Amino acid sequence: IYRSTRISYRRGDMFYMFSDGFVDQFGGPELKKFKHRRFKQLLLYMHKLPAKDQRSMLNRRFMEWKGNNEQTDDVSVIGFEPWE
């Protein structure tokens, strides 16, 4: 079942939709999951950058985190800035 939800926004806001692949990836120095808290911090840090820079930053951060570990799931991240 799908619900319709209205979300208020202001000029310059960014919206992100993502699968659980990024946050569930094992890696880092202690071979732990990336987790939602760390992912949210990353999005807040980069949300004002141009889209191509955001893509590069997400790819780079994911690969750094994953290191030589096997990728555990598909990774999808969609970011968009709504029109007025």
PDB file of N, CA and C in Angstrom:
ATOM      1  N   ILE A   1       0.861  -1.179   0.000  1.00  0.00           N
ATOM      2  CA  ILE A   1       0.000   0.000   0.000  1.00  0.00           C
ATOM      3  C   ILE A   1       0.901   1.234   0.000  1.00  0.00           C
ATOM      4  N   TYR A   2       0.575   2.179  -0.868  1.00  0.00           N
ATOM      5  CA  TYR A   2       1.317   3.425  -0.948  1.00  0.00           C
ATOM      6  C   TYR A   2       0.464   4.573  -0.450  1.00  0.00           C
ATOM      7  N   ARG A   3       1.097   5.494   0.231  1.00  0.00           N
ATOM      8  CA  ARG A   3       0.416   6.689   0.710  1.00  0.00           C
ATOM      9  C   ARG A   3       0.984   7.895  -0.001  1.00  0.00           C
ATOM     10  N   SER A   4       0.172   8.903  -0.144  1.00  0.00           N
ATOM     11  CA  SER A   4       0.626  10.173  -0.691  1.00  0.00           C
ATOM     12  C   SER A   4       0.950  11.090   0.480  1.00  0.00           C
ATOM     13  N   THR A   5       2.138  11.697   0.435  1.00  0.00           N
ATOM     14  CA  THR A   5       2.572  12.572   1.512  1.00  0.00           C
ATOM     15  C   THR A   5       3.061  13.881   0.920  1.00  0.00           C
ATOM     16  N   ARG A   6       2.653  14.979   1.492  1.00  0.00           N
ATOM     17  CA  ARG A   6       3.130  16.293   1.065  1.00  0.00           C
ATOM     18  C   ARG A   6       4.294  16.700   1.958  1.00  0.00           C
ATOM     19  N   ILE A   7       5.339  17.191   1.332  1.00  0.00           N
ATOM     20  CA  ILE A   7       6.528  17.610   2.064  1.00  0.00           C
ATOM     21  C   ILE A   7       6.803  19.059   1.716  1.00  0.00           C
ATOM     22  N   SER A   8       6.926  19.887   2.723  1.00  0.00           N
ATOM     23  CA  SER A   8       7.265  21.292   2.497  1.00  0.00           C
ATOM     24  C   SER A   8       8.760  21.405   2.245  1.00  0.00           C
ATOM     25  N   TYR A   9       9.138  22.321   1.365  1.00  0.00           N
ATOM     26  CA  TYR A   9      10.545  22.525   1.079  1.00  0.00           C
ATOM     27  C   TYR A   9      10.788  23.975   0.704  1.00  0.00           C
ATOM     28  N   ARG A  10      12.054  24.356   0.761  1.00  0.00           N
ATOM     29  CA  ARG A  10      12.474  25.707   0.380  1.00  0.00           C
ATOM     30  C   ARG A  10      13.456  25.606  -0.768  1.00  0.00           C
ATOM     31  N   ARG A  11      13.621  26.698  -1.453  1.00  0.00           N
ATOM     32  CA  ARG A  11      14.577  26.748  -2.559  1.00  0.00           C
ATOM     33  C   ARG A  11      15.948  26.282  -2.067  1.00  0.00           C
ATOM     34  N   GLY A  12      16.585  25.423  -2.822  1.00  0.00           N
ATOM     35  CA  GLY A  12      17.897  24.920  -2.467  1.00  0.00           C
ATOM     36  C   GLY A  12      17.897  23.632  -1.666  1.00  0.00           C
ATOM     37  N   ASP A  13      16.722  23.182  -1.196  1.00  0.00           N
ATOM     38  CA  ASP A  13      16.657  21.913  -0.470  1.00  0.00           C
ATOM     39  C   ASP A  13      16.976  20.759  -1.412  1.00  0.00           C
ATOM     40  N   MET A  14      17.548  19.703  -0.873  1.00  0.00           N
ATOM     41  CA  MET A  14      17.842  18.492  -1.634  1.00  0.00           C
ATOM     42  C   MET A  14      17.076  17.333  -1.017  1.00  0.00           C
ATOM     43  N   PHE A  15      16.604  16.447  -1.861  1.00  0.00           N
ATOM     44  CA  PHE A  15      15.934  15.230  -1.424  1.00  0.00           C
ATOM     45  C   PHE A  15      16.767  14.042  -1.888  1.00  0.00           C
ATOM     46  N   TYR A  16      16.851  13.031  -1.042  1.00  0.00           N
ATOM     47  CA  TYR A  16      17.600  11.822  -1.372  1.00  0.00           C
ATOM     48  C   TYR A  16      16.729  10.605  -1.135  1.00  0.00           C
ATOM     49  N   MET A  17      16.807   9.673  -2.062  1.00  0.00           N
ATOM     50  CA  MET A  17      16.199   8.347  -1.898  1.00  0.00           C
ATOM     51  C   MET A  17      17.339   7.350  -2.085  1.00  0.00           C
ATOM     52  N   PHE A  18      17.346   6.313  -1.273  1.00  0.00           N
ATOM     53  CA  PHE A  18      18.462   5.378  -1.355  1.00  0.00           C
ATOM     54  C   PHE A  18      18.052   3.997  -0.875  1.00  0.00           C
ATOM     55  N   SER A  19      18.727   3.010  -1.435  1.00  0.00           N
ATOM     56  CA  SER A  19      18.549   1.639  -0.970  1.00  0.00           C
ATOM     57  C   SER A  19      19.378   1.455   0.302  1.00  0.00           C
ATOM     58  N   ASP A  20      19.292   0.293   0.878  1.00  0.00           N
ATOM     59  CA  ASP A  20      20.050   0.036   2.107  1.00  0.00           C
ATOM     60  C   ASP A  20      21.477  -0.437   1.831  1.00  0.00           C
ATOM     61  N   GLY A  21      21.865  -0.506   0.553  1.00  0.00           N
ATOM     62  CA  GLY A  21      23.177  -1.044   0.204  1.00  0.00           C
ATOM     63  C   GLY A  21      24.344  -0.260   0.751  1.00  0.00           C
ATOM     64  N   PHE A  22      24.264   1.064   0.719  1.00  0.00           N
ATOM     65  CA  PHE A  22      25.369   1.901   1.209  1.00  0.00           C
ATOM     66  C   PHE A  22      25.509   1.741   2.717  1.00  0.00           C
ATOM     67  N   VAL A  23      24.407   1.892   3.440  1.00  0.00           N
ATOM     68  CA  VAL A  23      24.468   1.876   4.910  1.00  0.00           C
ATOM     69  C   VAL A  23      24.775   0.494   5.477  1.00  0.00           C
ATOM     70  N   ASP A  24      24.467  -0.565   4.721  1.00  0.00           N
ATOM     71  CA  ASP A  24      24.716  -1.923   5.197  1.00  0.00           C
ATOM     72  C   ASP A  24      26.078  -2.478   4.777  1.00  0.00           C
ATOM     73  N   GLN A  25      26.869  -1.684   4.058  1.00  0.00           N
ATOM     74  CA  GLN A  25      28.171  -2.168   3.583  1.00  0.00           C
ATOM     75  C   GLN A  25      29.168  -2.278   4.739  1.00  0.00           C
ATOM     76  N   PHE A  26      29.804  -3.426   4.823  1.00  0.00           N
ATOM     77  CA  PHE A  26      30.843  -3.638   5.826  1.00  0.00           C
ATOM     78  C   PHE A  26      32.161  -3.052   5.338  1.00  0.00           C
ATOM     79  N   GLY A  27      32.887  -2.428   6.263  1.00  0.00           N
ATOM     80  CA  GLY A  27      34.182  -1.875   5.911  1.00  0.00           C
ATOM     81  C   GLY A  27      34.745  -1.054   7.043  1.00  0.00           C
ATOM     82  N   GLY A  28      35.619  -0.119   6.683  1.00  0.00           N
ATOM     83  CA  GLY A  28      36.267   0.705   7.687  1.00  0.00           C
ATOM     84  C   GLY A  28      37.297  -0.080   8.471  1.00  0.00           C
ATOM     85  N   PRO A  29      37.968   0.573   9.398  1.00  0.00           N
ATOM     86  CA  PRO A  29      39.057  -0.077  10.142  1.00  0.00           C
ATOM     87  C   PRO A  29      38.597  -1.227  11.033  1.00  0.00           C
ATOM     88  N   GLU A  30      37.317  -1.224  11.429  1.00  0.00           N
ATOM     89  CA  GLU A  30      36.826  -2.279  12.324  1.00  0.00           C
ATOM     90  C   GLU A  30      35.858  -3.232  11.627  1.00  0.00           C
ATOM     91  N   LEU A  31      35.775  -3.145  10.293  1.00  0.00           N
ATOM     92  CA  LEU A  31      34.903  -3.997   9.487  1.00  0.00           C
ATOM     93  C   LEU A  31      33.461  -3.986  10.006  1.00  0.00           C
ATOM     94  N   LYS A  32      32.926  -2.766  10.182  1.00  0.00           N
ATOM     95  CA  LYS A  32      31.552  -2.582  10.628  1.00  0.00           C
ATOM     96  C   LYS A  32      30.707  -2.029   9.488  1.00  0.00           C
ATOM     97  N   LYS A  33      29.383  -2.000   9.697  1.00  0.00           N
ATOM     98  CA  LYS A  33      28.487  -1.407   8.711  1.00  0.00           C
ATOM     99  C   LYS A  33      28.665   0.111   8.693  1.00  0.00           C
ATOM    100  N   PHE A  34      28.399   0.710   7.528  1.00  0.00           N
ATOM    101  CA  PHE A  34      28.507   2.158   7.395  1.00  0.00           C
ATOM    102  C   PHE A  34      27.463   2.852   8.283  1.00  0.00           C
ATOM    103  N   LYS A  35      26.259   2.337   8.322  1.00  0.00           N
ATOM    104  CA  LYS A  35      25.147   2.787   9.180  1.00  0.00           C
ATOM    105  C   LYS A  35      24.518   4.106   8.725  1.00  0.00           C
ATOM    106  N   HIS A  36      23.283   4.324   9.142  1.00  0.00           N
ATOM    107  CA  HIS A  36      22.495   5.499   8.749  1.00  0.00           C
ATOM    108  C   HIS A  36      23.066   6.808   9.310  1.00  0.00           C
ATOM    109  N   ARG A  37      23.556   6.793  10.520  1.00  0.00           N
ATOM    110  CA  ARG A  37      24.073   8.023  11.124  1.00  0.00           C
ATOM    111  C   ARG A  37      25.234   8.594  10.311  1.00  0.00           C
ATOM    112  N   ARG A  38      26.158   7.744   9.947  1.00  0.00           N
ATOM    113  CA  ARG A  38      27.319   8.169   9.164  1.00  0.00           C
ATOM    114  C   ARG A  38      26.891   8.619   7.762  1.00  0.00           C
ATOM    115  N   PHE A  39      25.910   7.921   7.170  1.00  0.00           N
ATOM    116  CA  PHE A  39      25.413   8.276   5.846  1.00  0.00           C
ATOM    117  C   PHE A  39      24.708   9.642   5.881  1.00  0.00           C
ATOM    118  N   LYS A  40      23.918   9.870   6.913  1.00  0.00           N
ATOM    119  CA  LYS A  40      23.241  11.161   7.063  1.00  0.00           C
ATOM    120  C   LYS A  40      24.263  12.295   7.190  1.00  0.00           C
ATOM    121  N   GLN A  41      25.301  12.084   7.965  1.00  0.00           N
ATOM    122  CA  GLN A  41      26.355  13.094   8.106  1.00  0.00           C
ATOM    123  C   GLN A  41      27.015  13.392   6.762  1.00  0.00           C
ATOM    124  N   LEU A  42      27.240  12.361   5.969  1.00  0.00           N
ATOM    125  CA  LEU A  42      27.835  12.535   4.650  1.00  0.00           C
ATOM    126  C   LEU A  42      26.912  13.357   3.748  1.00  0.00           C
ATOM    127  N   LEU A  43      25.618  13.039   3.744  1.00  0.00           N
ATOM    128  CA  LEU A  43      24.666  13.793   2.925  1.00  0.00           C
ATOM    129  C   LEU A  43      24.579  15.254   3.367  1.00  0.00           C
ATOM    130  N   LEU A  44      24.557  15.490   4.658  1.00  0.00           N
ATOM    131  CA  LEU A  44      24.501  16.866   5.156  1.00  0.00           C
ATOM    132  C   LEU A  44      25.761  17.645   4.801  1.00  0.00           C
ATOM    133  N   TYR A  45      26.891  16.972   4.773  1.00  0.00           N
ATOM    134  CA  TYR A  45      28.150  17.617   4.429  1.00  0.00           C
ATOM    135  C   TYR A  45      28.186  18.033   2.957  1.00  0.00           C
ATOM    136  N   MET A  46      27.622  17.205   2.088  1.00  0.00           N
ATOM    137  CA  MET A  46      27.798  17.422   0.652  1.00  0.00           C
ATOM    138  C   MET A  46      26.588  18.006  -0.061  1.00  0.00           C
ATOM    139  N   HIS A  47      25.471  18.209   0.617  1.00  0.00           N
ATOM    140  CA  HIS A  47      24.218  18.523  -0.065  1.00  0.00           C
ATOM    141  C   HIS A  47      24.220  19.826  -0.857  1.00  0.00           C
ATOM    142  N   LYS A  48      25.107  20.733  -0.592  1.00  0.00           N
ATOM    143  CA  LYS A  48      25.173  22.003  -1.332  1.00  0.00           C
ATOM    144  C   LYS A  48      26.124  21.946  -2.525  1.00  0.00           C
ATOM    145  N   LEU A  49      26.858  20.856  -2.673  1.00  0.00           N
ATOM    146  CA  LEU A  49      27.782  20.710  -3.798  1.00  0.00           C
ATOM    147  C   LEU A  49      27.007  20.444  -5.088  1.00  0.00           C
ATOM    148  N   PRO A  50      27.610  20.728  -6.243  1.00  0.00           N
ATOM    149  CA  PRO A  50      26.976  20.357  -7.513  1.00  0.00           C
ATOM    150  C   PRO A  50      26.758  18.846  -7.588  1.00  0.00           C
ATOM    151  N   ALA A  51      25.765  18.426  -8.343  1.00  0.00           N
ATOM    152  CA  ALA A  51      25.381  17.015  -8.416  1.00  0.00           C
ATOM    153  C   ALA A  51      26.552  16.111  -8.801  1.00  0.00           C
ATOM    154  N   LYS A  52      27.362  16.522  -9.772  1.00  0.00           N
ATOM    155  CA  LYS A  52      28.467  15.654 -10.196  1.00  0.00           C
ATOM    156  C   LYS A  52      29.507  15.497  -9.084  1.00  0.00           C
ATOM    157  N   ASP A  53      29.696  16.527  -8.274  1.00  0.00           N
ATOM    158  CA  ASP A  53      30.623  16.431  -7.142  1.00  0.00           C
ATOM    159  C   ASP A  53      30.055  15.532  -6.047  1.00  0.00           C
ATOM    160  N   GLN A  54      28.734  15.598  -5.853  1.00  0.00           N
ATOM    161  CA  GLN A  54      28.097  14.708  -4.880  1.00  0.00           C
ATOM    162  C   GLN A  54      28.277  13.256  -5.293  1.00  0.00           C
ATOM    163  N   ARG A  55      28.073  12.997  -6.588  1.00  0.00           N
ATOM    164  CA  ARG A  55      28.234  11.626  -7.090  1.00  0.00           C
ATOM    165  C   ARG A  55      29.658  11.134  -6.854  1.00  0.00           C
ATOM    166  N   SER A  56      30.627  11.962  -7.187  1.00  0.00           N
ATOM    167  CA  SER A  56      32.030  11.580  -6.988  1.00  0.00           C
ATOM    168  C   SER A  56      32.334  11.321  -5.523  1.00  0.00           C
ATOM    169  N   MET A  57      31.815  12.183  -4.657  1.00  0.00           N
ATOM    170  CA  MET A  57      32.074  12.035  -3.225  1.00  0.00           C
ATOM    171  C   MET A  57      31.448  10.743  -2.688  1.00  0.00           C
ATOM    172  N   LEU A  58      30.214  10.446  -3.107  1.00  0.00           N
ATOM    173  CA  LEU A  58      29.567   9.202  -2.665  1.00  0.00           C
ATOM    174  C   LEU A  58      30.343   7.985  -3.152  1.00  0.00           C
ATOM    175  N   ASN A  59      30.724   7.984  -4.424  1.00  0.00           N
ATOM    176  CA  ASN A  59      31.490   6.853  -4.964  1.00  0.00           C
ATOM    177  C   ASN A  59      32.814   6.678  -4.234  1.00  0.00           C
ATOM    178  N   ARG A  60      33.527   7.771  -4.041  1.00  0.00           N
ATOM    179  CA  ARG A  60      34.830   7.714  -3.377  1.00  0.00           C
ATOM    180  C   ARG A  60      34.690   7.214  -1.939  1.00  0.00           C
ATOM    181  N   ARG A  61      33.716   7.775  -1.213  1.00  0.00           N
ATOM    182  CA  ARG A  61      33.530   7.391   0.195  1.00  0.00           C
ATOM    183  C   ARG A  61      33.137   5.917   0.318  1.00  0.00           C
ATOM    184  N   PHE A  62      32.264   5.458  -0.595  1.00  0.00           N
ATOM    185  CA  PHE A  62      31.846   4.061  -0.557  1.00  0.00           C
ATOM    186  C   PHE A  62      33.037   3.133  -0.797  1.00  0.00           C
ATOM    187  N   MET A  63      33.830   3.450  -1.809  1.00  0.00           N
ATOM    188  CA  MET A  63      34.977   2.594  -2.139  1.00  0.00           C
ATOM    189  C   MET A  63      36.018   2.613  -1.026  1.00  0.00           C
ATOM    190  N   GLU A  64      36.223   3.787  -0.411  1.00  0.00           N
ATOM    191  CA  GLU A  64      37.158   3.862   0.718  1.00  0.00           C
ATOM    192  C   GLU A  64      36.665   3.000   1.873  1.00  0.00           C
ATOM    193  N   TRP A  65      35.366   3.079   2.159  1.00  0.00           N
ATOM    194  CA  TRP A  65      34.794   2.315   3.266  1.00  0.00           C
ATOM    195  C   TRP A  65      34.868   0.816   2.985  1.00  0.00           C
ATOM    196  N   LYS A  66      34.470   0.421   1.788  1.00  0.00           N
ATOM    197  CA  LYS A  66      34.427  -0.986   1.408  1.00  0.00           C
ATOM    198  C   LYS A  66      35.828  -1.585   1.367  1.00  0.00           C
ATOM    199  N   GLY A  67      36.788  -0.812   0.866  1.00  0.00           N
ATOM    200  CA  GLY A  67      38.147  -1.319   0.758  1.00  0.00           C
ATOM    201  C   GLY A  67      38.186  -2.565  -0.107  1.00  0.00           C
ATOM    202  N   ASN A  68      38.870  -3.584   0.355  1.00  0.00           N
ATOM    203  CA  ASN A  68      38.985  -4.847  -0.386  1.00  0.00           C
ATOM    204  C   ASN A  68      37.882  -5.836  -0.042  1.00  0.00           C
ATOM    205  N   ASN A  69      36.927  -5.417   0.781  1.00  0.00           N
ATOM    206  CA  ASN A  69      35.835  -6.302   1.173  1.00  0.00           C
ATOM    207  C   ASN A  69      34.850  -6.459   0.021  1.00  0.00           C
ATOM    208  N   GLU A  70      34.151  -7.564   0.020  1.00  0.00           N
ATOM    209  CA  GLU A  70      33.142  -7.831  -0.997  1.00  0.00           C
ATOM    210  C   GLU A  70      31.958  -6.885  -0.810  1.00  0.00           C
ATOM    211  N   GLN A  71      31.398  -6.398  -1.916  1.00  0.00           N
ATOM    212  CA  GLN A  71      30.190  -5.575  -1.828  1.00  0.00           C
ATOM    213  C   GLN A  71      29.043  -6.476  -1.426  1.00  0.00           C
ATOM    214  N   THR A  72      28.285  -6.085  -0.396  1.00  0.00           N
ATOM    215  CA  THR A  72      27.268  -6.953   0.182  1.00  0.00           C
ATOM    216  C   THR A  72      25.895  -6.803  -0.448  1.00  0.00           C
ATOM    217  N   ASP A  73      25.642  -5.717  -1.189  1.00  0.00           N
ATOM    218  CA  ASP A  73      24.301  -5.481  -1.724  1.00  0.00           C
ATOM    219  C   ASP A  73      24.397  -4.460  -2.855  1.00  0.00           C
ATOM    220  N   ASP A  74      23.282  -4.300  -3.572  1.00  0.00           N
ATOM    221  CA  ASP A  74      23.229  -3.234  -4.575  1.00  0.00           C
ATOM    222  C   ASP A  74      23.212  -1.892  -3.859  1.00  0.00           C
ATOM    223  N   VAL A  75      23.711  -0.854  -4.518  1.00  0.00           N
ATOM    224  CA  VAL A  75      23.749   0.476  -3.937  1.00  0.00           C
ATOM    225  C   VAL A  75      23.082   1.442  -4.908  1.00  0.00           C
ATOM    226  N   SER A  76      22.005   2.071  -4.443  1.00  0.00           N
ATOM    227  CA  SER A  76      21.311   3.082  -5.244  1.00  0.00           C
ATOM    228  C   SER A  76      21.130   4.327  -4.396  1.00  0.00           C
ATOM    229  N   VAL A  77      21.522   5.473  -4.942  1.00  0.00           N
ATOM    230  CA  VAL A  77      21.306   6.759  -4.282  1.00  0.00           C
ATOM    231  C   VAL A  77      20.818   7.723  -5.353  1.00  0.00           C
ATOM    232  N   ILE A  78      19.669   8.327  -5.113  1.00  0.00           N
ATOM    233  CA  ILE A  78      19.111   9.318  -6.023  1.00  0.00           C
ATOM    234  C   ILE A  78      18.936  10.612  -5.247  1.00  0.00           C
ATOM    235  N   GLY A  79      19.526  11.665  -5.748  1.00  0.00           N
ATOM    236  CA  GLY A  79      19.377  12.972  -5.132  1.00  0.00           C
ATOM    237  C   GLY A  79      18.785  13.935  -6.133  1.00  0.00           C
ATOM    238  N   PHE A  80      17.884  14.792  -5.674  1.00  0.00           N
ATOM    239  CA  PHE A  80      17.291  15.769  -6.585  1.00  0.00           C
ATOM    240  C   PHE A  80      16.909  17.043  -5.831  1.00  0.00           C
ATOM    241  N   GLU A  81      16.937  18.129  -6.563  1.00  0.00           N
ATOM    242  CA  GLU A  81      16.517  19.429  -6.047  1.00  0.00           C
ATOM    243  C   GLU A  81      15.206  19.767  -6.748  1.00  0.00           C
ATOM    244  N   PRO A  82      14.107  19.877  -6.006  1.00  0.00           N
ATOM    245  CA  PRO A  82      12.803  20.115  -6.652  1.00  0.00           C
ATOM    246  C   PRO A  82      12.725  21.503  -7.303  1.00  0.00           C
ATOM    247  N   TRP A  83      11.972  21.561  -8.370  1.00  0.00           N
ATOM    248  CA  TRP A  83      11.698  22.841  -9.008  1.00  0.00           C
ATOM    249  C   TRP A  83      10.651  23.564  -8.210  1.00  0.00           C
ATOM    250  N   GLU A  84      10.606  24.857  -8.378  1.00  0.00           N
ATOM    251  CA  GLU A  84       9.568  25.622  -7.684  1.00  0.00           C
ATOM    252  C   GLU A  84       8.275  25.569  -8.442  1.00  0.00           C
TER     253      GLU A  84
END
